[in-house]
């Protein structure tokens, strides 16, 4: 996960904690706003994690293809 993803994850979790505390204090407008912002931040972190994971999978696939091609040339 990149730095932006980690930052978004931390901010998102913090905002959701604030939303839960505001709900306990019956501050509904603040709860809604912080909850939505927290969910957006967690969505950004999730997107970043999936993007990084997909990049690593693509790198492994390219590496495996190059390895197969190298073995095929050596076998001839």
PDB file of N, CA and C in Angstrom:
ATOM      1  N   UNK A   1       0.858  -1.165   0.000  1.00  0.00           N
ATOM      2  CA  UNK A   1       0.000   0.000   0.000  1.00  0.00           C
ATOM      3  C   UNK A   1       0.907   1.231   0.000  1.00  0.00           C
ATOM      4  N   UNK A   2       0.538   2.199  -0.807  1.00  0.00           N
ATOM      5  CA  UNK A   2       1.364   3.399  -0.905  1.00  0.00           C
ATOM      6  C   UNK A   2       1.153   4.305   0.313  1.00  0.00           C
ATOM      7  N   UNK A   3       1.926   5.360   0.363  1.00  0.00           N
ATOM      8  CA  UNK A   3       1.807   6.312   1.471  1.00  0.00           C
ATOM      9  C   UNK A   3       0.437   6.953   1.517  1.00  0.00           C
ATOM     10  N   UNK A   4      -0.108   7.271   0.346  1.00  0.00           N
ATOM     11  CA  UNK A   4      -1.441   7.869   0.305  1.00  0.00           C
ATOM     12  C   UNK A   4      -2.492   6.897   0.825  1.00  0.00           C
ATOM     13  N   UNK A   5      -2.338   5.618   0.491  1.00  0.00           N
ATOM     14  CA  UNK A   5      -3.283   4.605   0.970  1.00  0.00           C
ATOM     15  C   UNK A   5      -3.222   4.446   2.478  1.00  0.00           C
ATOM     16  N   UNK A   6      -2.019   4.434   3.020  1.00  0.00           N
ATOM     17  CA  UNK A   6      -1.876   4.318   4.475  1.00  0.00           C
ATOM     18  C   UNK A   6      -2.453   5.543   5.180  1.00  0.00           C
ATOM     19  N   UNK A   7      -2.190   6.696   4.596  1.00  0.00           N
ATOM     20  CA  UNK A   7      -2.707   7.941   5.168  1.00  0.00           C
ATOM     21  C   UNK A   7      -4.233   7.919   5.142  1.00  0.00           C
ATOM     22  N   UNK A   8      -4.819   7.505   4.024  1.00  0.00           N
ATOM     23  CA  UNK A   8      -6.278   7.436   3.899  1.00  0.00           C
ATOM     24  C   UNK A   8      -6.871   6.431   4.882  1.00  0.00           C
ATOM     25  N   UNK A   9      -6.181   5.318   5.066  1.00  0.00           N
ATOM     26  CA  UNK A   9      -6.669   4.314   6.008  1.00  0.00           C
ATOM     27  C   UNK A   9      -6.701   4.871   7.430  1.00  0.00           C
ATOM     28  N   UNK A  10      -5.625   5.529   7.833  1.00  0.00           N
ATOM     29  CA  UNK A  10      -5.578   6.106   9.177  1.00  0.00           C
ATOM     30  C   UNK A  10      -6.631   7.181   9.385  1.00  0.00           C
ATOM     31  N   UNK A  11      -6.772   8.071   8.404  1.00  0.00           N
ATOM     32  CA  UNK A  11      -7.771   9.134   8.501  1.00  0.00           C
ATOM     33  C   UNK A  11      -9.173   8.536   8.514  1.00  0.00           C
ATOM     34  N   UNK A  12      -9.418   7.540   7.666  1.00  0.00           N
ATOM     35  CA  UNK A  12     -10.740   6.920   7.591  1.00  0.00           C
ATOM     36  C   UNK A  12     -11.144   6.252   8.890  1.00  0.00           C
ATOM     37  N   UNK A  13     -10.220   5.512   9.468  1.00  0.00           N
ATOM     38  CA  UNK A  13     -10.522   4.849  10.754  1.00  0.00           C
ATOM     39  C   UNK A  13     -10.767   5.897  11.838  1.00  0.00           C
ATOM     40  N   UNK A  14      -9.934   6.936  11.849  1.00  0.00           N
ATOM     41  CA  UNK A  14     -10.118   7.997  12.842  1.00  0.00           C
ATOM     42  C   UNK A  14     -11.463   8.696  12.702  1.00  0.00           C
ATOM     43  N   UNK A  15     -11.850   8.983  11.468  1.00  0.00           N
ATOM     44  CA  UNK A  15     -13.143   9.638  11.253  1.00  0.00           C
ATOM     45  C   UNK A  15     -14.308   8.742  11.640  1.00  0.00           C
ATOM     46  N   UNK A  16     -14.191   7.444  11.402  1.00  0.00           N
ATOM     47  CA  UNK A  16     -15.278   6.549  11.813  1.00  0.00           C
ATOM     48  C   UNK A  16     -15.379   6.444  13.333  1.00  0.00           C
ATOM     49  N   UNK A  17     -14.250   6.498  14.007  1.00  0.00           N
ATOM     50  CA  UNK A  17     -14.272   6.504  15.478  1.00  0.00           C
ATOM     51  C   UNK A  17     -14.957   7.779  15.972  1.00  0.00           C
ATOM     52  N   UNK A  18     -14.630   8.906  15.351  1.00  0.00           N
ATOM     53  CA  UNK A  18     -15.275  10.170  15.717  1.00  0.00           C
ATOM     54  C   UNK A  18     -16.771  10.094  15.441  1.00  0.00           C
ATOM     55  N   UNK A  19     -17.160   9.475  14.328  1.00  0.00           N
ATOM     56  CA  UNK A  19     -18.584   9.342  14.004  1.00  0.00           C
ATOM     57  C   UNK A  19     -19.306   8.514  15.054  1.00  0.00           C
ATOM     58  N   UNK A  20     -18.681   7.441  15.512  1.00  0.00           N
ATOM     59  CA  UNK A  20     -19.321   6.615  16.547  1.00  0.00           C
ATOM     60  C   UNK A  20     -19.447   7.402  17.848  1.00  0.00           C
ATOM     61  N   UNK A  21     -18.421   8.141  18.196  1.00  0.00           N
ATOM     62  CA  UNK A  21     -18.499   8.965  19.418  1.00  0.00           C
ATOM     63  C   UNK A  21     -19.564  10.050  19.297  1.00  0.00           C
ATOM     64  N   UNK A  22     -19.645  10.665  18.128  1.00  0.00           N
ATOM     65  CA  UNK A  22     -20.679  11.691  17.923  1.00  0.00           C
ATOM     66  C   UNK A  22     -22.078  11.082  17.976  1.00  0.00           C
ATOM     67  N   UNK A  23     -22.218   9.867  17.497  1.00  0.00           N
ATOM     68  CA  UNK A  23     -23.524   9.195  17.568  1.00  0.00           C
ATOM     69  C   UNK A  23     -23.898   8.930  19.023  1.00  0.00           C
ATOM     70  N   UNK A  24     -22.915   8.559  19.823  1.00  0.00           N
ATOM     71  CA  UNK A  24     -23.180   8.318  21.246  1.00  0.00           C
ATOM     72  C   UNK A  24     -23.591   9.608  21.949  1.00  0.00           C
ATOM     73  N   UNK A  25     -23.079  10.743  21.466  1.00  0.00           N
ATOM     74  CA  UNK A  25     -23.432  12.041  22.039  1.00  0.00           C
ATOM     75  C   UNK A  25     -24.662  12.652  21.379  1.00  0.00           C
ATOM     76  N   UNK A  26     -25.271  11.915  20.443  1.00  0.00           N
ATOM     77  CA  UNK A  26     -26.494  12.334  19.775  1.00  0.00           C
ATOM     78  C   UNK A  26     -26.282  13.580  18.908  1.00  0.00           C
ATOM     79  N   UNK A  27     -25.124  13.694  18.286  1.00  0.00           N
ATOM     80  CA  UNK A  27     -24.819  14.790  17.364  1.00  0.00           C
ATOM     81  C   UNK A  27     -24.955  14.263  15.935  1.00  0.00           C
ATOM     82  N   UNK A  28     -26.192  14.128  15.484  1.00  0.00           N
ATOM     83  CA  UNK A  28     -26.478  13.444  14.229  1.00  0.00           C
ATOM     84  C   UNK A  28     -25.829  14.120  13.011  1.00  0.00           C
ATOM     85  N   UNK A  29     -25.911  15.457  12.827  1.00  0.00           N
ATOM     86  CA  UNK A  29     -25.285  16.041  11.628  1.00  0.00           C
ATOM     87  C   UNK A  29     -23.776  15.797  11.564  1.00  0.00           C
ATOM     88  N   UNK A  30     -23.098  15.901  12.689  1.00  0.00           N
ATOM     89  CA  UNK A  30     -21.658  15.651  12.721  1.00  0.00           C
ATOM     90  C   UNK A  30     -21.383  14.176  12.448  1.00  0.00           C
ATOM     91  N   UNK A  31     -22.235  13.304  12.957  1.00  0.00           N
ATOM     92  CA  UNK A  31     -22.096  11.871  12.727  1.00  0.00           C
ATOM     93  C   UNK A  31     -22.170  11.553  11.240  1.00  0.00           C
ATOM     94  N   UNK A  32     -23.149  12.138  10.564  1.00  0.00           N
ATOM     95  CA  UNK A  32     -23.336  11.860   9.141  1.00  0.00           C
ATOM     96  C   UNK A  32     -22.137  12.369   8.336  1.00  0.00           C
ATOM     97  N   UNK A  33     -21.707  13.583   8.601  1.00  0.00           N
ATOM     98  CA  UNK A  33     -20.606  14.171   7.835  1.00  0.00           C
ATOM     99  C   UNK A  33     -19.309  13.396   8.060  1.00  0.00           C
ATOM    100  N   UNK A  34     -18.965  13.137   9.305  1.00  0.00           N
ATOM    101  CA  UNK A  34     -17.714  12.422   9.573  1.00  0.00           C
ATOM    102  C   UNK A  34     -17.793  10.971   9.094  1.00  0.00           C
ATOM    103  N   UNK A  35     -18.958  10.376   9.193  1.00  0.00           N
ATOM    104  CA  UNK A  35     -19.128   9.009   8.702  1.00  0.00           C
ATOM    105  C   UNK A  35     -18.919   8.917   7.204  1.00  0.00           C
ATOM    106  N   UNK A  36     -19.505   9.853   6.462  1.00  0.00           N
ATOM    107  CA  UNK A  36     -19.330   9.850   5.011  1.00  0.00           C
ATOM    108  C   UNK A  36     -17.881  10.107   4.615  1.00  0.00           C
ATOM    109  N   UNK A  37     -17.255  11.068   5.262  1.00  0.00           N
ATOM    110  CA  UNK A  37     -15.843  11.343   4.964  1.00  0.00           C
ATOM    111  C   UNK A  37     -14.966  10.139   5.312  1.00  0.00           C
ATOM    112  N   UNK A  38     -15.274   9.479   6.415  1.00  0.00           N
ATOM    113  CA  UNK A  38     -14.527   8.281   6.803  1.00  0.00           C
ATOM    114  C   UNK A  38     -14.684   7.160   5.794  1.00  0.00           C
ATOM    115  N   UNK A  39     -15.913   6.966   5.293  1.00  0.00           N
ATOM    116  CA  UNK A  39     -16.132   5.926   4.296  1.00  0.00           C
ATOM    117  C   UNK A  39     -15.426   6.248   2.980  1.00  0.00           C
ATOM    118  N   UNK A  40     -15.410   7.520   2.603  1.00  0.00           N
ATOM    119  CA  UNK A  40     -14.685   7.916   1.391  1.00  0.00           C
ATOM    120  C   UNK A  40     -13.189   7.623   1.559  1.00  0.00           C
ATOM    121  N   UNK A  41     -12.645   7.973   2.714  1.00  0.00           N
ATOM    122  CA  UNK A  41     -11.216   7.723   2.956  1.00  0.00           C
ATOM    123  C   UNK A  41     -10.909   6.225   2.953  1.00  0.00           C
ATOM    124  N   UNK A  42     -11.780   5.422   3.552  1.00  0.00           N
ATOM    125  CA  UNK A  42     -11.550   3.974   3.537  1.00  0.00           C
ATOM    126  C   UNK A  42     -11.687   3.406   2.130  1.00  0.00           C
ATOM    127  N   UNK A  43     -12.587   3.972   1.345  1.00  0.00           N
ATOM    128  CA  UNK A  43     -12.724   3.556  -0.049  1.00  0.00           C
ATOM    129  C   UNK A  43     -11.463   3.856  -0.845  1.00  0.00           C
ATOM    130  N   UNK A  44     -10.880   5.030  -0.603  1.00  0.00           N
ATOM    131  CA  UNK A  44      -9.620   5.380  -1.269  1.00  0.00           C
ATOM    132  C   UNK A  44      -8.510   4.420  -0.866  1.00  0.00           C
ATOM    133  N   UNK A  45      -8.448   4.077   0.415  1.00  0.00           N
ATOM    134  CA  UNK A  45      -7.417   3.152   0.887  1.00  0.00           C
ATOM    135  C   UNK A  45      -7.615   1.764   0.277  1.00  0.00           C
ATOM    136  N   UNK A  46      -8.865   1.323   0.191  1.00  0.00           N
ATOM    137  CA  UNK A  46      -9.147   0.030  -0.424  1.00  0.00           C
ATOM    138  C   UNK A  46      -8.786  -0.001  -1.895  1.00  0.00           C
ATOM    139  N   UNK A  47      -9.117   1.070  -2.599  1.00  0.00           N
ATOM    140  CA  UNK A  47      -8.764   1.169  -4.017  1.00  0.00           C
ATOM    141  C   UNK A  47      -7.248   1.117  -4.191  1.00  0.00           C
ATOM    142  N   UNK A  48      -6.532   1.830  -3.339  1.00  0.00           N
ATOM    143  CA  UNK A  48      -5.077   1.845  -3.423  1.00  0.00           C
ATOM    144  C   UNK A  48      -4.504   0.457  -3.151  1.00  0.00           C
ATOM    145  N   UNK A  49      -5.048  -0.239  -2.163  1.00  0.00           N
ATOM    146  CA  UNK A  49      -4.559  -1.582  -1.842  1.00  0.00           C
ATOM    147  C   UNK A  49      -4.791  -2.537  -3.011  1.00  0.00           C
ATOM    148  N   UNK A  50      -5.960  -2.457  -3.637  1.00  0.00           N
ATOM    149  CA  UNK A  50      -6.257  -3.327  -4.779  1.00  0.00           C
ATOM    150  C   UNK A  50      -5.349  -2.982  -5.957  1.00  0.00           C
ATOM    151  N   UNK A  51      -5.116  -1.699  -6.181  1.00  0.00           N
ATOM    152  CA  UNK A  51      -4.259  -1.260  -7.282  1.00  0.00           C
ATOM    153  C   UNK A  51      -2.826  -1.779  -7.086  1.00  0.00           C
ATOM    154  N   UNK A  52      -2.309  -1.677  -5.877  1.00  0.00           N
ATOM    155  CA  UNK A  52      -0.956  -2.172  -5.597  1.00  0.00           C
ATOM    156  C   UNK A  52      -0.888  -3.685  -5.735  1.00  0.00           C
ATOM    157  N   UNK A  53      -1.904  -4.391  -5.262  1.00  0.00           N
ATOM    158  CA  UNK A  53      -1.950  -5.845  -5.358  1.00  0.00           C
ATOM    159  C   UNK A  53      -1.980  -6.270  -6.818  1.00  0.00           C
ATOM    160  N   UNK A  54      -2.786  -5.577  -7.627  1.00  0.00           N
ATOM    161  CA  UNK A  54      -2.883  -5.893  -9.041  1.00  0.00           C
ATOM    162  C   UNK A  54      -1.541  -5.675  -9.746  1.00  0.00           C
ATOM    163  N   UNK A  55      -0.816  -4.654  -9.368  1.00  0.00           N
ATOM    164  CA  UNK A  55       0.501  -4.413  -9.944  1.00  0.00           C
ATOM    165  C   UNK A  55       1.481  -5.525  -9.620  1.00  0.00           C
ATOM    166  N   UNK A  56       1.435  -6.021  -8.365  1.00  0.00           N
ATOM    167  CA  UNK A  56       2.324  -7.126  -7.995  1.00  0.00           C
ATOM    168  C   UNK A  56       1.963  -8.405  -8.743  1.00  0.00           C
ATOM    169  N   UNK A  57       0.656  -8.662  -8.931  1.00  0.00           N
ATOM    170  CA  UNK A  57       0.232  -9.850  -9.671  1.00  0.00           C
ATOM    171  C   UNK A  57       0.698  -9.754 -11.115  1.00  0.00           C
ATOM    172  N   UNK A  58       0.568  -8.590 -11.724  1.00  0.00           N
ATOM    173  CA  UNK A  58       1.007  -8.403 -13.102  1.00  0.00           C
ATOM    174  C   UNK A  58       2.516  -8.620 -13.222  1.00  0.00           C
ATOM    175  N   UNK A  59       3.266  -8.129 -12.259  1.00  0.00           N
ATOM    176  CA  UNK A  59       4.716  -8.312 -12.268  1.00  0.00           C
ATOM    177  C   UNK A  59       5.081  -9.792 -12.183  1.00  0.00           C
ATOM    178  N   UNK A  60       4.378 -10.542 -11.313  1.00  0.00           N
ATOM    179  CA  UNK A  60       4.633 -11.979 -11.200  1.00  0.00           C
ATOM    180  C   UNK A  60       4.316 -12.700 -12.507  1.00  0.00           C
ATOM    181  N   UNK A  61       3.227 -12.300 -13.163  1.00  0.00           N
ATOM    182  CA  UNK A  61       2.858 -12.943 -14.432  1.00  0.00           C
ATOM    183  C   UNK A  61       3.918 -12.694 -15.498  1.00  0.00           C
ATOM    184  N   UNK A  62       4.384 -11.451 -15.587  1.00  0.00           N
ATOM    185  CA  UNK A  62       5.415 -11.144 -16.574  1.00  0.00           C
ATOM    186  C   UNK A  62       6.705 -11.904 -16.272  1.00  0.00           C
ATOM    187  N   UNK A  63       7.034 -12.019 -14.989  1.00  0.00           N
ATOM    188  CA  UNK A  63       8.232 -12.756 -14.602  1.00  0.00           C
ATOM    189  C   UNK A  63       8.108 -14.233 -14.964  1.00  0.00           C
ATOM    190  N   UNK A  64       6.942 -14.822 -14.721  1.00  0.00           N
ATOM    191  CA  UNK A  64       6.737 -16.230 -15.048  1.00  0.00           C
ATOM    192  C   UNK A  64       6.791 -16.445 -16.562  1.00  0.00           C
ATOM    193  N   UNK A  65       6.217 -15.519 -17.329  1.00  0.00           N
ATOM    194  CA  UNK A  65       6.255 -15.647 -18.790  1.00  0.00           C
ATOM    195  C   UNK A  65       7.696 -15.562 -19.293  1.00  0.00           C
ATOM    196  N   UNK A  66       8.487 -14.636 -18.764  1.00  0.00           N
ATOM    197  CA  UNK A  66       9.886 -14.509 -19.168  1.00  0.00           C
ATOM    198  C   UNK A  66      10.667 -15.764 -18.792  1.00  0.00           C
ATOM    199  N   UNK A  67      10.361 -16.332 -17.638  1.00  0.00           N
ATOM    200  CA  UNK A  67      11.044 -17.552 -17.195  1.00  0.00           C
ATOM    201  C   UNK A  67      10.720 -18.711 -18.143  1.00  0.00           C
ATOM    202  N   UNK A  68       9.446 -18.840 -18.532  1.00  0.00           N
ATOM    203  CA  UNK A  68       9.060 -19.905 -19.475  1.00  0.00           C
ATOM    204  C   UNK A  68       9.741 -19.718 -20.824  1.00  0.00           C
ATOM    205  N   UNK A  69       9.810 -18.479 -21.283  1.00  0.00           N
ATOM    206  CA  UNK A  69      10.469 -18.209 -22.576  1.00  0.00           C
ATOM    207  C   UNK A  69      11.959 -18.552 -22.511  1.00  0.00           C
ATOM    208  N   UNK A  70      12.613 -18.219 -21.389  1.00  0.00           N
ATOM    209  CA  UNK A  70      14.025 -18.551 -21.221  1.00  0.00           C
ATOM    210  C   UNK A  70      14.236 -20.055 -21.229  1.00  0.00           C
ATOM    211  N   UNK A  71      13.365 -20.793 -20.517  1.00  0.00           N
ATOM    212  CA  UNK A  71      13.483 -22.253 -20.502  1.00  0.00           C
ATOM    213  C   UNK A  71      13.241 -22.847 -21.876  1.00  0.00           C
ATOM    214  N   UNK A  72      12.313 -22.263 -22.630  1.00  0.00           N
ATOM    215  CA  UNK A  72      12.016 -22.756 -23.968  1.00  0.00           C
ATOM    216  C   UNK A  72      13.198 -22.573 -24.904  1.00  0.00           C
ATOM    217  N   UNK A  73      13.913 -21.470 -24.786  1.00  0.00           N
ATOM    218  CA  UNK A  73      15.088 -21.233 -25.630  1.00  0.00           C
ATOM    219  C   UNK A  73      16.231 -22.178 -25.252  1.00  0.00           C
ATOM    220  N   UNK A  74      16.387 -22.461 -23.997  1.00  0.00           N
ATOM    221  CA  UNK A  74      17.479 -23.332 -23.546  1.00  0.00           C
ATOM    222  C   UNK A  74      17.203 -24.783 -23.931  1.00  0.00           C
ATOM    223  N   UNK A  75      15.946 -25.155 -24.019  1.00  0.00           N
ATOM    224  CA  UNK A  75      15.605 -26.537 -24.354  1.00  0.00           C
ATOM    225  C   UNK A  75      15.858 -26.885 -25.801  1.00  0.00           C
ATOM    226  N   UNK A  76      15.982 -25.900 -26.670  1.00  0.00           N
ATOM    227  CA  UNK A  76      16.166 -26.163 -28.113  1.00  0.00           C
ATOM    228  C   UNK A  76      17.560 -26.488 -28.457  1.00  0.00           C
TER     229      UNK A  76
END
